[in-house]
Protein backbone atom coordinates (compact mmCIF):
# COMPACT_ATOMS: atom_id res chain seq x y z
CA MET A 1 -18.39 135.34 268.18
CA ASN A 2 -21.45 135.60 270.60
CA LYS A 3 -20.96 137.40 273.83
CA LEU A 4 -22.62 134.48 275.60
CA LEU A 5 -20.03 132.23 274.25
CA MET A 6 -17.11 134.45 275.12
CA ALA A 7 -18.30 134.80 278.59
CA LYS A 8 -18.28 130.88 279.02
CA ARG A 9 -14.66 130.43 277.77
CA PRO A 10 -12.44 127.88 279.65
CA PRO A 11 -10.49 129.40 282.51
CA GLY A 12 -7.00 130.35 281.47
CA VAL A 13 -7.95 130.84 277.79
CA ASP A 14 -7.58 134.42 276.32
CA GLU A 15 -10.34 135.79 274.14
CA ALA A 16 -8.28 135.63 270.91
CA LYS A 17 -7.41 132.02 271.28
CA TRP A 18 -11.06 130.94 272.30
CA LYS A 19 -12.43 132.75 269.34
CA ARG A 20 -9.79 131.13 266.82
CA ASP A 21 -10.51 127.75 268.38
CA TRP A 22 -14.20 128.05 268.11
CA GLU A 23 -14.04 129.33 264.66
CA ALA A 24 -11.62 126.33 263.79
CA ALA A 25 -14.37 124.04 265.13
CA VAL A 26 -16.38 124.80 261.97
CA TYR A 27 -15.54 121.40 260.38
CA VAL A 28 -17.14 119.54 263.29
CA LEU A 29 -20.06 121.69 263.90
CA ARG A 30 -21.26 121.92 260.22
CA PRO A 31 -23.29 118.73 260.30
CA LEU A 32 -24.95 120.15 263.41
CA ALA A 33 -25.65 123.23 261.65
CA GLU A 34 -27.32 121.37 258.74
CA VAL A 35 -29.31 119.31 260.96
CA LEU A 36 -30.68 122.42 262.84
CA ARG A 37 -31.61 124.08 259.56
CA GLU A 38 -33.25 120.98 258.19
CA ARG A 39 -35.36 120.79 261.45
CA LYS A 40 -36.19 124.53 261.40
CA GLU A 41 -37.42 124.05 257.54
CA HIS A 42 -39.65 121.02 258.78
CA LEU A 43 -41.26 123.18 261.57
CA GLN A 44 -42.04 125.96 259.25
CA ARG A 45 -44.09 123.81 256.93
CA VAL A 46 -47.82 123.63 257.63
CA LYS A 47 -49.04 120.20 256.98
CA PRO A 48 -52.72 119.30 256.33
CA GLU A 49 -52.70 116.94 259.32
CA ASP A 50 -51.79 120.01 261.47
CA PHE A 51 -55.57 121.16 261.10
CA ALA A 52 -56.82 117.87 262.60
CA LEU A 53 -55.70 119.04 265.77
CA PRO A 54 -58.43 120.83 267.94
CA ASN A 55 -56.00 123.64 268.66
CA HIS A 56 -54.00 123.98 265.55
CA TYR A 57 -53.17 127.62 266.34
CA GLY A 58 -51.52 126.58 269.47
CA LYS A 59 -49.47 124.15 267.58
CA LEU A 60 -48.36 126.87 265.17
CA VAL A 61 -47.38 129.13 268.00
CA PHE A 62 -45.39 126.32 269.66
CA ASP A 63 -43.63 125.37 266.44
CA GLY A 64 -42.81 129.13 266.05
CA GLY A 65 -41.13 129.15 269.36
CA ARG A 66 -39.01 126.13 268.41
CA VAL A 67 -38.03 127.88 265.20
CA THR A 68 -37.06 130.86 267.29
CA GLU A 69 -34.93 128.69 269.48
CA LEU A 70 -33.25 127.01 266.42
CA ASP A 71 -32.44 130.36 265.10
CA PHE A 72 -30.69 131.37 268.42
CA LEU A 73 -28.75 127.85 268.51
CA LEU A 74 -27.56 128.68 264.69
CA SER A 75 -26.41 132.11 265.78
CA LEU A 76 -24.12 130.45 268.34
CA LEU A 77 -22.35 128.40 265.81
CA PRO A 78 -19.34 129.57 263.87
CA GLN A 79 -20.26 131.69 260.82
CA GLU A 80 -19.15 129.47 258.23
CA THR A 81 -21.35 126.60 259.30
């Protein structure tokens, strides 16, 4: 489990229970993980219309930042997602 998530556990819940509960949420979080992966795949594709923009390099860099953020979000989800 990510240290950031462990630091945000609810008050009064010990680390072992928090980790167990988070990992048990895999069933509920799996659809979210799939949507994030699909979005990441979509952002990584370069489309011909991207080059119609005056500053297509700026768009590629912006999309790259979004992909990095999606990677971070996916890293927070339980491993089995």
